Amino acid sequence: AQTGSVLAVGAAQEGLRSYLAVWGGLAVPPVQGSRSTDLACRLGGLE
C-alpha cells in the first residue's frame, strides 16, 4: 500500500473471521505482555 492508499474489505463469502497483518506490527501498548483486546475487561488493544 502506498502512502494514502485505501483498503476496503467486504463481507466474507465463507468463514467468519479475517485477519490483517502489517509489516512491523500494530504498536498499541501491551498490557500484561499482550496487545490483545479483552472486550469484557476493557483492556489491551485500542482502549
ModelCIF file with pLDDT and N, C-alpha, C, O atoms, coordinates in Angstrom:
data_MODEL
#
_entry.id   MODEL 
#
_entity.id                         1 
_entity.type                       polymer 
_entity.pdbx_number_of_molecules   1 
#
_entity_poly.entity_id                      1 
_entity_poly.type                           'polypeptide(L)' 
_entity_poly.nstd_linkage                   no 
_entity_poly.nstd_monomer                   no 
_entity_poly.pdbx_seq_one_letter_code       AQTGSVLAVGAAQEGLRSYLAVWGGLAVPPVQGSRSTDLACRLGGLE 
_entity_poly.pdbx_seq_one_letter_code_can   AQTGSVLAVGAAQEGLRSYLAVWGGLAVPPVQGSRSTDLACRLGGLE 
_entity_poly.pdbx_strand_id                 A 
#
loop_
_entity_poly_seq.entity_id 
_entity_poly_seq.num 
_entity_poly_seq.mon_id 
_entity_poly_seq.hetero 
1 1  ALA n 
1 2  GLN n 
1 3  THR n 
1 4  GLY n 
1 5  SER n 
1 6  VAL n 
1 7  LEU n 
1 8  ALA n 
1 9  VAL n 
1 10 GLY n 
1 11 ALA n 
1 12 ALA n 
1 13 GLN n 
1 14 GLU n 
1 15 GLY n 
1 16 LEU n 
1 17 ARG n 
1 18 SER n 
1 19 TYR n 
1 20 LEU n 
1 21 ALA n 
1 22 VAL n 
1 23 TRP n 
1 24 GLY n 
1 25 GLY n 
1 26 LEU n 
1 27 ALA n 
1 28 VAL n 
1 29 PRO n 
1 30 PRO n 
1 31 VAL n 
1 32 GLN n 
1 33 GLY n 
1 34 SER n 
1 35 ARG n 
1 36 SER n 
1 37 THR n 
1 38 ASP n 
1 39 LEU n 
1 40 ALA n 
1 41 CYS n 
1 42 ARG n 
1 43 LEU n 
1 44 GLY n 
1 45 GLY n 
1 46 LEU n 
1 47 GLU n 
#
_struct_asym.id          A 
_struct_asym.entity_id   1 
#
loop_
_ma_qa_metric.id 
_ma_qa_metric.mode 
_ma_qa_metric.name 
_ma_qa_metric.software_group_id 
_ma_qa_metric.type 
1 global pLDDT . pLDDT 
2 local  pLDDT . pLDDT 
#
_ma_qa_metric_global.metric_id      1 
_ma_qa_metric_global.metric_value   94.00 
_ma_qa_metric_global.model_id       1 
_ma_qa_metric_global.ordinal_id     1 
#
loop_
_ma_qa_metric_local.label_asym_id 
_ma_qa_metric_local.label_comp_id 
_ma_qa_metric_local.label_seq_id 
_ma_qa_metric_local.metric_id 
_ma_qa_metric_local.metric_value 
_ma_qa_metric_local.model_id 
_ma_qa_metric_local.ordinal_id 
A ALA 1  2 93.00 1 1  
A GLN 2  2 92.00 1 2  
A THR 3  2 92.00 1 3  
A GLY 4  2 94.00 1 4  
A SER 5  2 95.00 1 5  
A VAL 6  2 97.00 1 6  
A LEU 7  2 98.00 1 7  
A ALA 8  2 97.00 1 8  
A VAL 9  2 97.00 1 9  
A GLY 10 2 96.00 1 10 
A ALA 11 2 96.00 1 11 
A ALA 12 2 95.00 1 12 
A GLN 13 2 88.00 1 13 
A GLU 14 2 90.00 1 14 
A GLY 15 2 94.00 1 15 
A LEU 16 2 96.00 1 16 
A ARG 17 2 97.00 1 17 
A SER 18 2 97.00 1 18 
A TYR 19 2 98.00 1 19 
A LEU 20 2 98.00 1 20 
A ALA 21 2 97.00 1 21 
A VAL 22 2 95.00 1 22 
A TRP 23 2 91.00 1 23 
A GLY 24 2 89.00 1 24 
A GLY 25 2 92.00 1 25 
A LEU 26 2 95.00 1 26 
A ALA 27 2 93.00 1 27 
A VAL 28 2 95.00 1 28 
A PRO 29 2 94.00 1 29 
A PRO 30 2 94.00 1 30 
A VAL 31 2 92.00 1 31 
A GLN 32 2 91.00 1 32 
A GLY 33 2 90.00 1 33 
A SER 34 2 93.00 1 34 
A ARG 35 2 96.00 1 35 
A SER 36 2 96.00 1 36 
A THR 37 2 96.00 1 37 
A ASP 38 2 94.00 1 38 
A LEU 39 2 93.00 1 39 
A ALA 40 2 91.00 1 40 
A CYS 41 2 90.00 1 41 
A ARG 42 2 93.00 1 42 
A LEU 43 2 92.00 1 43 
A GLY 44 2 93.00 1 44 
A GLY 45 2 94.00 1 45 
A LEU 46 2 95.00 1 46 
A GLU 47 2 94.00 1 47 
#
loop_
_atom_site.group_PDB 
_atom_site.id 
_atom_site.type_symbol 
_atom_site.label_atom_id 
_atom_site.label_alt_id 
_atom_site.label_comp_id 
_atom_site.label_asym_id 
_atom_site.label_entity_id 
_atom_site.label_seq_id 
_atom_site.pdbx_PDB_ins_code 
_atom_site.Cartn_x 
_atom_site.Cartn_y 
_atom_site.Cartn_z 
_atom_site.occupancy 
_atom_site.B_iso_or_equiv 
_atom_site.pdbx_formal_charge 
_atom_site.auth_seq_id 
_atom_site.auth_comp_id 
_atom_site.auth_asym_id 
_atom_site.auth_atom_id 
_atom_site.pdbx_PDB_model_num 
ATOM 1   N N  . ALA A 1 1  ? 0.847   -1.193  0.000  1.00 93.00 ? 1  ALA A N  1 
ATOM 2   C CA . ALA A 1 1  ? 0.000   0.000   0.000  1.00 93.00 ? 1  ALA A CA 1 
ATOM 3   C C  . ALA A 1 1  ? 0.879   1.237   0.000  1.00 93.00 ? 1  ALA A C  1 
ATOM 4   O O  . ALA A 1 1  ? 1.789   1.343   0.822  1.00 93.00 ? 1  ALA A O  1 
ATOM 5   N N  . GLN A 1 2  ? 0.631   2.163   -0.892 1.00 92.00 ? 2  GLN A N  1 
ATOM 6   C CA . GLN A 1 2  ? 1.377   3.412   -0.923 1.00 92.00 ? 2  GLN A CA 1 
ATOM 7   C C  . GLN A 1 2  ? 0.803   4.398   0.089  1.00 92.00 ? 2  GLN A C  1 
ATOM 8   O O  . GLN A 1 2  ? -0.293  4.198   0.613  1.00 92.00 ? 2  GLN A O  1 
ATOM 9   N N  . THR A 1 3  ? 1.535   5.438   0.351  1.00 92.00 ? 3  THR A N  1 
ATOM 10  C CA . THR A 1 3  ? 1.061   6.483   1.263  1.00 92.00 ? 3  THR A CA 1 
ATOM 11  C C  . THR A 1 3  ? -0.291  7.016   0.782  1.00 92.00 ? 3  THR A C  1 
ATOM 12  O O  . THR A 1 3  ? -0.427  7.442   -0.365 1.00 92.00 ? 3  THR A O  1 
ATOM 13  N N  . GLY A 1 4  ? -1.275  6.989   1.662  1.00 94.00 ? 4  GLY A N  1 
ATOM 14  C CA . GLY A 1 4  ? -2.612  7.468   1.329  1.00 94.00 ? 4  GLY A CA 1 
ATOM 15  C C  . GLY A 1 4  ? -3.531  6.420   0.731  1.00 94.00 ? 4  GLY A C  1 
ATOM 16  O O  . GLY A 1 4  ? -4.712  6.694   0.518  1.00 94.00 ? 4  GLY A O  1 
ATOM 17  N N  . SER A 1 5  ? -3.020  5.219   0.454  1.00 95.00 ? 5  SER A N  1 
ATOM 18  C CA . SER A 1 5  ? -3.860  4.168   -0.131 1.00 95.00 ? 5  SER A CA 1 
ATOM 19  C C  . SER A 1 5  ? -4.994  3.789   0.808  1.00 95.00 ? 5  SER A C  1 
ATOM 20  O O  . SER A 1 5  ? -4.854  3.838   2.030  1.00 95.00 ? 5  SER A O  1 
ATOM 21  N N  . VAL A 1 6  ? -6.129  3.409   0.209  1.00 97.00 ? 6  VAL A N  1 
ATOM 22  C CA . VAL A 1 6  ? -7.300  2.987   0.975  1.00 97.00 ? 6  VAL A CA 1 
ATOM 23  C C  . VAL A 1 6  ? -7.602  1.531   0.660  1.00 97.00 ? 6  VAL A C  1 
ATOM 24  O O  . VAL A 1 6  ? -7.755  1.151   -0.500 1.00 97.00 ? 6  VAL A O  1 
ATOM 25  N N  . LEU A 1 7  ? -7.685  0.725   1.708  1.00 98.00 ? 7  LEU A N  1 
ATOM 26  C CA . LEU A 1 7  ? -8.038  -0.685  1.610  1.00 98.00 ? 7  LEU A CA 1 
ATOM 27  C C  . LEU A 1 7  ? -9.457  -0.875  2.122  1.00 98.00 ? 7  LEU A C  1 
ATOM 28  O O  . LEU A 1 7  ? -9.786  -0.425  3.220  1.00 98.00 ? 7  LEU A O  1 
ATOM 29  N N  . ALA A 1 8  ? -10.294 -1.533  1.340  1.00 97.00 ? 8  ALA A N  1 
ATOM 30  C CA . ALA A 1 8  ? -11.661 -1.837  1.757  1.00 97.00 ? 8  ALA A CA 1 
ATOM 31  C C  . ALA A 1 8  ? -11.867 -3.342  1.675  1.00 97.00 ? 8  ALA A C  1 
ATOM 32  O O  . ALA A 1 8  ? -11.666 -3.946  0.621  1.00 97.00 ? 8  ALA A O  1 
ATOM 33  N N  . VAL A 1 9  ? -12.268 -3.943  2.786  1.00 97.00 ? 9  VAL A N  1 
ATOM 34  C CA . VAL A 1 9  ? -12.515 -5.384  2.855  1.00 97.00 ? 9  VAL A CA 1 
ATOM 35  C C  . VAL A 1 9  ? -14.005 -5.596  3.042  1.00 97.00 ? 9  VAL A C  1 
ATOM 36  O O  . VAL A 1 9  ? -14.593 -5.067  3.985  1.00 97.00 ? 9  VAL A O  1 
ATOM 37  N N  . GLY A 1 10 ? -14.618 -6.360  2.157  1.00 96.00 ? 10 GLY A N  1 
ATOM 38  C CA . GLY A 1 10 ? -16.059 -6.537  2.186  1.00 96.00 ? 10 GLY A CA 1 
ATOM 39  C C  . GLY A 1 10 ? -16.501 -7.675  3.088  1.00 96.00 ? 10 GLY A C  1 
ATOM 40  O O  . GLY A 1 10 ? -15.797 -8.049  4.026  1.00 96.00 ? 10 GLY A O  1 
ATOM 41  N N  . ALA A 1 11 ? -17.683 -8.225  2.796  1.00 96.00 ? 11 ALA A N  1 
ATOM 42  C CA . ALA A 1 11 ? -18.261 -9.295  3.607  1.00 96.00 ? 11 ALA A CA 1 
ATOM 43  C C  . ALA A 1 11 ? -17.650 -10.628 3.213  1.00 96.00 ? 11 ALA A C  1 
ATOM 44  O O  . ALA A 1 11 ? -17.484 -10.913 2.026  1.00 96.00 ? 11 ALA A O  1 
ATOM 45  N N  . ALA A 1 12 ? -17.315 -11.444 4.200  1.00 95.00 ? 12 ALA A N  1 
ATOM 46  C CA . ALA A 1 12 ? -16.719 -12.752 3.954  1.00 95.00 ? 12 ALA A CA 1 
ATOM 47  C C  . ALA A 1 12 ? -17.705 -13.634 3.204  1.00 95.00 ? 12 ALA A C  1 
ATOM 48  O O  . ALA A 1 12 ? -18.884 -13.701 3.553  1.00 95.00 ? 12 ALA A O  1 
ATOM 49  N N  . GLN A 1 13 ? -17.222 -14.300 2.185  1.00 88.00 ? 13 GLN A N  1 
ATOM 50  C CA . GLN A 1 13 ? -18.064 -15.180 1.386  1.00 88.00 ? 13 GLN A CA 1 
ATOM 51  C C  . GLN A 1 13 ? -18.213 -16.546 2.045  1.00 88.00 ? 13 GLN A C  1 
ATOM 52  O O  . GLN A 1 13 ? -19.230 -17.219 1.879  1.00 88.00 ? 13 GLN A O  1 
ATOM 53  N N  . GLU A 1 14 ? -17.197 -16.944 2.788  1.00 90.00 ? 14 GLU A N  1 
ATOM 54  C CA . GLU A 1 14 ? -17.207 -18.212 3.501  1.00 90.00 ? 14 GLU A CA 1 
ATOM 55  C C  . GLU A 1 14 ? -16.329 -18.035 4.734  1.00 90.00 ? 14 GLU A C  1 
ATOM 56  O O  . GLU A 1 14 ? -15.315 -17.339 4.681  1.00 90.00 ? 14 GLU A O  1 
ATOM 57  N N  . GLY A 1 15 ? -16.711 -18.659 5.834  1.00 94.00 ? 15 GLY A N  1 
ATOM 58  C CA . GLY A 1 15 ? -15.966 -18.448 7.059  1.00 94.00 ? 15 GLY A CA 1 
ATOM 59  C C  . GLY A 1 15 ? -16.479 -17.234 7.803  1.00 94.00 ? 15 GLY A C  1 
ATOM 60  O O  . GLY A 1 15 ? -17.443 -16.597 7.381  1.00 94.00 ? 15 GLY A O  1 
ATOM 61  N N  . LEU A 1 16 ? -15.830 -16.915 8.916  1.00 96.00 ? 16 LEU A N  1 
ATOM 62  C CA . LEU A 1 16 ? -16.355 -15.887 9.817  1.00 96.00 ? 16 LEU A CA 1 
ATOM 63  C C  . LEU A 1 16 ? -15.365 -14.778 10.116 1.00 96.00 ? 16 LEU A C  1 
ATOM 64  O O  . LEU A 1 16 ? -15.748 -13.610 10.182 1.00 96.00 ? 16 LEU A O  1 
ATOM 65  N N  . ARG A 1 17 ? -14.080 -15.129 10.300 1.00 97.00 ? 17 ARG A N  1 
ATOM 66  C CA . ARG A 1 17 ? -13.106 -14.145 10.788 1.00 97.00 ? 17 ARG A CA 1 
ATOM 67  C C  . ARG A 1 17 ? -11.940 -14.012 9.816  1.00 97.00 ? 17 ARG A C  1 
ATOM 68  O O  . ARG A 1 17 ? -11.385 -15.003 9.340  1.00 97.00 ? 17 ARG A O  1 
ATOM 69  N N  . SER A 1 18 ? -11.582 -12.752 9.533  1.00 97.00 ? 18 SER A N  1 
ATOM 70  C CA . SER A 1 18 ? -10.446 -12.448 8.663  1.00 97.00 ? 18 SER A CA 1 
ATOM 71  C C  . SER A 1 18 ? -9.379  -11.731 9.476  1.00 97.00 ? 18 SER A C  1 
ATOM 72  O O  . SER A 1 18 ? -9.654  -11.169 10.537 1.00 97.00 ? 18 SER A O  1 
ATOM 73  N N  . TYR A 1 19 ? -8.138  -11.762 8.950  1.00 98.00 ? 19 TYR A N  1 
ATOM 74  C CA . TYR A 1 19 ? -7.006  -11.167 9.668  1.00 98.00 ? 19 TYR A CA 1 
ATOM 75  C C  . TYR A 1 19 ? -6.184  -10.294 8.728  1.00 98.00 ? 19 TYR A C  1 
ATOM 76  O O  . TYR A 1 19 ? -5.967  -10.631 7.564  1.00 98.00 ? 19 TYR A O  1 
ATOM 77  N N  . LEU A 1 20 ? -5.735  -9.166  9.265  1.00 98.00 ? 20 LEU A N  1 
ATOM 78  C CA . LEU A 1 20 ? -4.881  -8.236  8.532  1.00 98.00 ? 20 LEU A CA 1 
ATOM 79  C C  . LEU A 1 20 ? -3.610  -8.016  9.340  1.00 98.00 ? 20 LEU A C  1 
ATOM 80  O O  . LEU A 1 20 ? -3.662  -7.556  10.481 1.00 98.00 ? 20 LEU A O  1 
ATOM 81  N N  . ALA A 1 21 ? -2.468  -8.347  8.741  1.00 97.00 ? 21 ALA A N  1 
ATOM 82  C CA . ALA A 1 21 ? -1.167  -8.093  9.354  1.00 97.00 ? 21 ALA A CA 1 
ATOM 83  C C  . ALA A 1 21 ? -0.447  -7.037  8.532  1.00 97.00 ? 21 ALA A C  1 
ATOM 84  O O  . ALA A 1 21 ? -0.546  -7.023  7.305  1.00 97.00 ? 21 ALA A O  1 
ATOM 85  N N  . VAL A 1 22 ? 0.276   -6.154  9.209  1.00 95.00 ? 22 VAL A N  1 
ATOM 86  C CA . VAL A 1 22 ? 1.068   -5.115  8.560  1.00 95.00 ? 22 VAL A CA 1 
ATOM 87  C C  . VAL A 1 22 ? 2.524   -5.292  8.984  1.00 95.00 ? 22 VAL A C  1 
ATOM 88  O O  . VAL A 1 22 ? 2.813   -5.515  10.160 1.00 95.00 ? 22 VAL A O  1 
ATOM 89  N N  . TRP A 1 23 ? 3.432   -5.193  8.023  1.00 91.00 ? 23 TRP A N  1 
ATOM 90  C CA . TRP A 1 23 ? 4.842   -5.397  8.331  1.00 91.00 ? 23 TRP A CA 1 
ATOM 91  C C  . TRP A 1 23 ? 5.288   -4.457  9.452  1.00 91.00 ? 23 TRP A C  1 
ATOM 92  O O  . TRP A 1 23 ? 5.054   -3.250  9.390  1.00 91.00 ? 23 TRP A O  1 
ATOM 93  N N  . GLY A 1 24 ? 5.919   -5.011  10.457 1.00 89.00 ? 24 GLY A N  1 
ATOM 94  C CA . GLY A 1 24 ? 6.315   -4.245  11.628 1.00 89.00 ? 24 GLY A CA 1 
ATOM 95  C C  . GLY A 1 24 ? 5.347   -4.415  12.784 1.00 89.00 ? 24 GLY A C  1 
ATOM 96  O O  . GLY A 1 24 ? 5.736   -4.260  13.942 1.00 89.00 ? 24 GLY A O  1 
ATOM 97  N N  . GLY A 1 25 ? 4.088   -4.731  12.490 1.00 92.00 ? 25 GLY A N  1 
ATOM 98  C CA . GLY A 1 25 ? 3.096   -4.979  13.535 1.00 92.00 ? 25 GLY A CA 1 
ATOM 99  C C  . GLY A 1 25 ? 2.417   -3.725  14.031 1.00 92.00 ? 25 GLY A C  1 
ATOM 100 O O  . GLY A 1 25 ? 2.951   -2.623  13.906 1.00 92.00 ? 25 GLY A O  1 
ATOM 101 N N  . LEU A 1 26 ? 1.229   -3.899  14.598 1.00 95.00 ? 26 LEU A N  1 
ATOM 102 C CA . LEU A 1 26 ? 0.496   -2.798  15.219 1.00 95.00 ? 26 LEU A CA 1 
ATOM 103 C C  . LEU A 1 26 ? 1.136   -2.484  16.563 1.00 95.00 ? 26 LEU A C  1 
ATOM 104 O O  . LEU A 1 26 ? 1.463   -3.395  17.323 1.00 95.00 ? 26 LEU A O  1 
ATOM 105 N N  . ALA A 1 27 ? 1.314   -1.215  16.857 1.00 93.00 ? 27 ALA A N  1 
ATOM 106 C CA . ALA A 1 27 ? 2.085   -0.797  18.036 1.00 93.00 ? 27 ALA A CA 1 
ATOM 107 C C  . ALA A 1 27 ? 1.204   -0.236  19.145 1.00 93.00 ? 27 ALA A C  1 
ATOM 108 O O  . ALA A 1 27 ? 1.606   0.706   19.827 1.00 93.00 ? 27 ALA A O  1 
ATOM 109 N N  . VAL A 1 28 ? 0.005   -0.797  19.341 1.00 95.00 ? 28 VAL A N  1 
ATOM 110 C CA . VAL A 1 28 ? -0.784  -0.393  20.508 1.00 95.00 ? 28 VAL A CA 1 
ATOM 111 C C  . VAL A 1 28 ? -0.039  -0.841  21.756 1.00 95.00 ? 28 VAL A C  1 
ATOM 112 O O  . VAL A 1 28 ? 0.720   -1.808  21.690 1.00 95.00 ? 28 VAL A O  1 
ATOM 113 N N  . PRO A 1 29 ? -0.229  -0.172  22.902 1.00 94.00 ? 29 PRO A N  1 
ATOM 114 C CA . PRO A 1 29 ? 0.545   -0.510  24.103 1.00 94.00 ? 29 PRO A CA 1 
ATOM 115 C C  . PRO A 1 29 ? 0.217   -1.918  24.605 1.00 94.00 ? 29 PRO A C  1 
ATOM 116 O O  . PRO A 1 29 ? -0.958  -2.277  24.684 1.00 94.00 ? 29 PRO A O  1 
ATOM 117 N N  . PRO A 1 30 ? 1.219   -2.717  24.943 1.00 94.00 ? 30 PRO A N  1 
ATOM 118 C CA . PRO A 1 30 ? 0.940   -4.039  25.513 1.00 94.00 ? 30 PRO A CA 1 
ATOM 119 C C  . PRO A 1 30 ? 0.434   -3.921  26.944 1.00 94.00 ? 30 PRO A C  1 
ATOM 120 O O  . PRO A 1 30 ? 0.839   -3.028  27.688 1.00 94.00 ? 30 PRO A O  1 
ATOM 121 N N  . VAL A 1 31 ? -0.444  -4.824  27.314 1.00 92.00 ? 31 VAL A N  1 
ATOM 122 C CA . VAL A 1 31 ? -0.958  -4.921  28.680 1.00 92.00 ? 31 VAL A CA 1 
ATOM 123 C C  . VAL A 1 31 ? -0.690  -6.334  29.167 1.00 92.00 ? 31 VAL A C  1 
ATOM 124 O O  . VAL A 1 31 ? -1.184  -7.293  28.574 1.00 92.00 ? 31 VAL A O  1 
ATOM 125 N N  . GLN A 1 32 ? 0.079   -6.480  30.227 1.00 91.00 ? 32 GLN A N  1 
ATOM 126 C CA . GLN A 1 32 ? 0.452   -7.792  30.749 1.00 91.00 ? 32 GLN A CA 1 
ATOM 127 C C  . GLN A 1 32 ? 1.041   -8.681  29.651 1.00 91.00 ? 32 GLN A C  1 
ATOM 128 O O  . GLN A 1 32 ? 0.723   -9.865  29.538 1.00 91.00 ? 32 GLN A O  1 
ATOM 129 N N  . GLY A 1 33 ? 1.905   -8.068  28.854 1.00 90.00 ? 33 GLY A N  1 
ATOM 130 C CA . GLY A 1 33 ? 2.644   -8.814  27.853 1.00 90.00 ? 33 GLY A CA 1 
ATOM 131 C C  . GLY A 1 33 ? 1.908   -9.112  26.565 1.00 90.00 ? 33 GLY A C  1 
ATOM 132 O O  . GLY A 1 33 ? 2.419   -9.863  25.735 1.00 90.00 ? 33 GLY A O  1 
ATOM 133 N N  . SER A 1 34 ? 0.720   -8.550  26.368 1.00 93.00 ? 34 SER A N  1 
ATOM 134 C CA . SER A 1 34 ? -0.057  -8.833  25.161 1.00 93.00 ? 34 SER A CA 1 
ATOM 135 C C  . SER A 1 34 ? -0.774  -7.580  24.681 1.00 93.00 ? 34 SER A C  1 
ATOM 136 O O  . SER A 1 34 ? -1.172  -6.731  25.478 1.00 93.00 ? 34 SER A O  1 
ATOM 137 N N  . ARG A 1 35 ? -0.932  -7.479  23.363 1.00 96.00 ? 35 ARG A N  1 
ATOM 138 C CA . ARG A 1 35 ? -1.700  -6.377  22.776 1.00 96.00 ? 35 ARG A CA 1 
ATOM 139 C C  . ARG A 1 35 ? -3.130  -6.797  22.448 1.00 96.00 ? 35 ARG A C  1 
ATOM 140 O O  . ARG A 1 35 ? -3.870  -6.026  21.836 1.00 96.00 ? 35 ARG A O  1 
ATOM 141 N N  . SER A 1 36 ? -3.529  -8.000  22.842 1.00 96.00 ? 36 SER A N  1 
ATOM 142 C CA . SER A 1 36 ? -4.874  -8.487  22.542 1.00 96.00 ? 36 SER A CA 1 
ATOM 143 C C  . SER A 1 36 ? -5.945  -7.672  23.246 1.00 96.00 ? 36 SER A C  1 
ATOM 144 O O  . SER A 1 36 ? -5.756  -7.201  24.368 1.00 96.00 ? 36 SER A O  1 
ATOM 145 N N  . THR A 1 37 ? -7.069  -7.516  22.568 1.00 96.00 ? 37 THR A N  1 
ATOM 146 C CA . THR A 1 37 ? -8.211  -6.801  23.131 1.00 96.00 ? 37 THR A CA 1 
ATOM 147 C C  . THR A 1 37 ? -9.049  -7.742  23.984 1.00 96.00 ? 37 THR A C  1 
ATOM 148 O O  . THR A 1 37 ? -9.484  -8.793  23.513 1.00 96.00 ? 37 THR A O  1 
ATOM 149 N N  . ASP A 1 38 ? -9.277  -7.366  25.237 1.00 94.00 ? 38 ASP A N  1 
ATOM 150 C CA . ASP A 1 38 ? -10.207 -8.072  26.112 1.00 94.00 ? 38 ASP A CA 1 
ATOM 151 C C  . ASP A 1 38 ? -11.437 -7.184  26.242 1.00 94.00 ? 38 ASP A C  1 
ATOM 152 O O  . ASP A 1 38 ? -11.442 -6.229  27.020 1.00 94.00 ? 38 ASP A O  1 
ATOM 153 N N  . LEU A 1 39 ? -12.481 -7.500  25.478 1.00 93.00 ? 39 LEU A N  1 
ATOM 154 C CA . LEU A 1 39 ? -13.657 -6.641  25.427 1.00 93.00 ? 39 LEU A CA 1 
ATOM 155 C C  . LEU A 1 39 ? -14.396 -6.588  26.752 1.00 93.00 ? 39 LEU A C  1 
ATOM 156 O O  . LEU A 1 39 ? -14.940 -5.542  27.108 1.00 93.00 ? 39 LEU A O  1 
ATOM 157 N N  . ALA A 1 40 ? -14.430 -7.693  27.493 1.00 91.00 ? 40 ALA A N  1 
ATOM 158 C CA . ALA A 1 40 ? -15.161 -7.723  28.765 1.00 91.00 ? 40 ALA A CA 1 
ATOM 159 C C  . ALA A 1 40 ? -14.457 -6.905  29.828 1.00 91.00 ? 40 ALA A C  1 
ATOM 160 O O  . ALA A 1 40 ? -15.104 -6.186  30.589 1.00 91.00 ? 40 ALA A O  1 
ATOM 161 N N  . CYS A 1 41 ? -13.146 -7.006  29.889 1.00 90.00 ? 41 CYS A N  1 
ATOM 162 C CA . CYS A 1 41 ? -12.373 -6.275  30.903 1.00 90.00 ? 41 CYS A CA 1 
ATOM 163 C C  . CYS A 1 41 ? -11.930 -4.904  30.414 1.00 90.00 ? 41 CYS A C  1 
ATOM 164 O O  . CYS A 1 41 ? -11.381 -4.116  31.184 1.00 90.00 ? 41 CYS A O  1 
ATOM 165 N N  . ARG A 1 42 ? -12.167 -4.614  29.129 1.00 93.00 ? 42 ARG A N  1 
ATOM 166 C CA . ARG A 1 42 ? -11.820 -3.330  28.526 1.00 93.00 ? 42 ARG A CA 1 
ATOM 167 C C  . ARG A 1 42 ? -10.344 -3.006  28.716 1.00 93.00 ? 42 ARG A C  1 
ATOM 168 O O  . ARG A 1 42 ? -9.983  -1.931  29.195 1.00 93.00 ? 42 ARG A O  1 
ATOM 169 N N  . LEU A 1 43 ? -9.511  -3.945  28.334 1.00 92.00 ? 43 LEU A N  1 
ATOM 170 C CA . LEU A 1 43 ? -8.076  -3.706  28.384 1.00 92.00 ? 43 LEU A CA 1 
ATOM 171 C C  . LEU A 1 43 ? -7.409  -4.281  27.137 1.00 92.00 ? 43 LEU A C  1 
ATOM 172 O O  . LEU A 1 43 ? -7.966  -5.139  26.452 1.00 92.00 ? 43 LEU A O  1 
ATOM 173 N N  . GLY A 1 44 ? -6.209  -3.789  26.864 1.00 93.00 ? 44 GLY A N  1 
ATOM 174 C CA . GLY A 1 44 ? -5.482  -4.221  25.683 1.00 93.00 ? 44 GLY A CA 1 
ATOM 175 C C  . GLY A 1 44 ? -6.046  -3.611  24.412 1.00 93.00 ? 44 GLY A C  1 
ATOM 176 O O  . GLY A 1 44 ? -7.013  -2.851  24.451 1.00 93.00 ? 44 GLY A O  1 
ATOM 177 N N  . GLY A 1 45 ? -5.434  -3.950  23.285 1.00 94.00 ? 45 GLY A N  1 
ATOM 178 C CA . GLY A 1 45 ? -5.903  -3.433  22.011 1.00 94.00 ? 45 GLY A CA 1 
ATOM 179 C C  . GLY A 1 45 ? -5.892  -1.919  21.985 1.00 94.00 ? 45 GLY A C  1 
ATOM 180 O O  . GLY A 1 45 ? -4.966  -1.287  22.492 1.00 94.00 ? 45 GLY A O  1 
ATOM 181 N N  . LEU A 1 46 ? -6.915  -1.344  21.398 1.00 95.00 ? 46 LEU A N  1 
ATOM 182 C CA . LEU A 1 46 ? -7.082  0.107   21.361 1.00 95.00 ? 46 LEU A CA 1 
ATOM 183 C C  . LEU A 1 46 ? -8.143  0.477   22.384 1.00 95.00 ? 46 LEU A C  1 
ATOM 184 O O  . LEU A 1 46 ? -9.339  0.396   22.102 1.00 95.00 ? 46 LEU A O  1 
ATOM 185 N N  . GLU A 1 47 ? -7.713  0.878   23.555 1.00 94.00 ? 47 GLU A N  1 
ATOM 186 C CA . GLU A 1 47 ? -8.603  1.284   24.655 1.00 94.00 ? 47 GLU A CA 1 
ATOM 187 C C  . GLU A 1 47 ? -9.528  0.155   25.085 1.00 94.00 ? 47 GLU A C  1 
ATOM 188 O O  . GLU A 1 47 ? -10.337 0.332   25.996 1.00 94.00 ? 47 GLU A O  1 
#
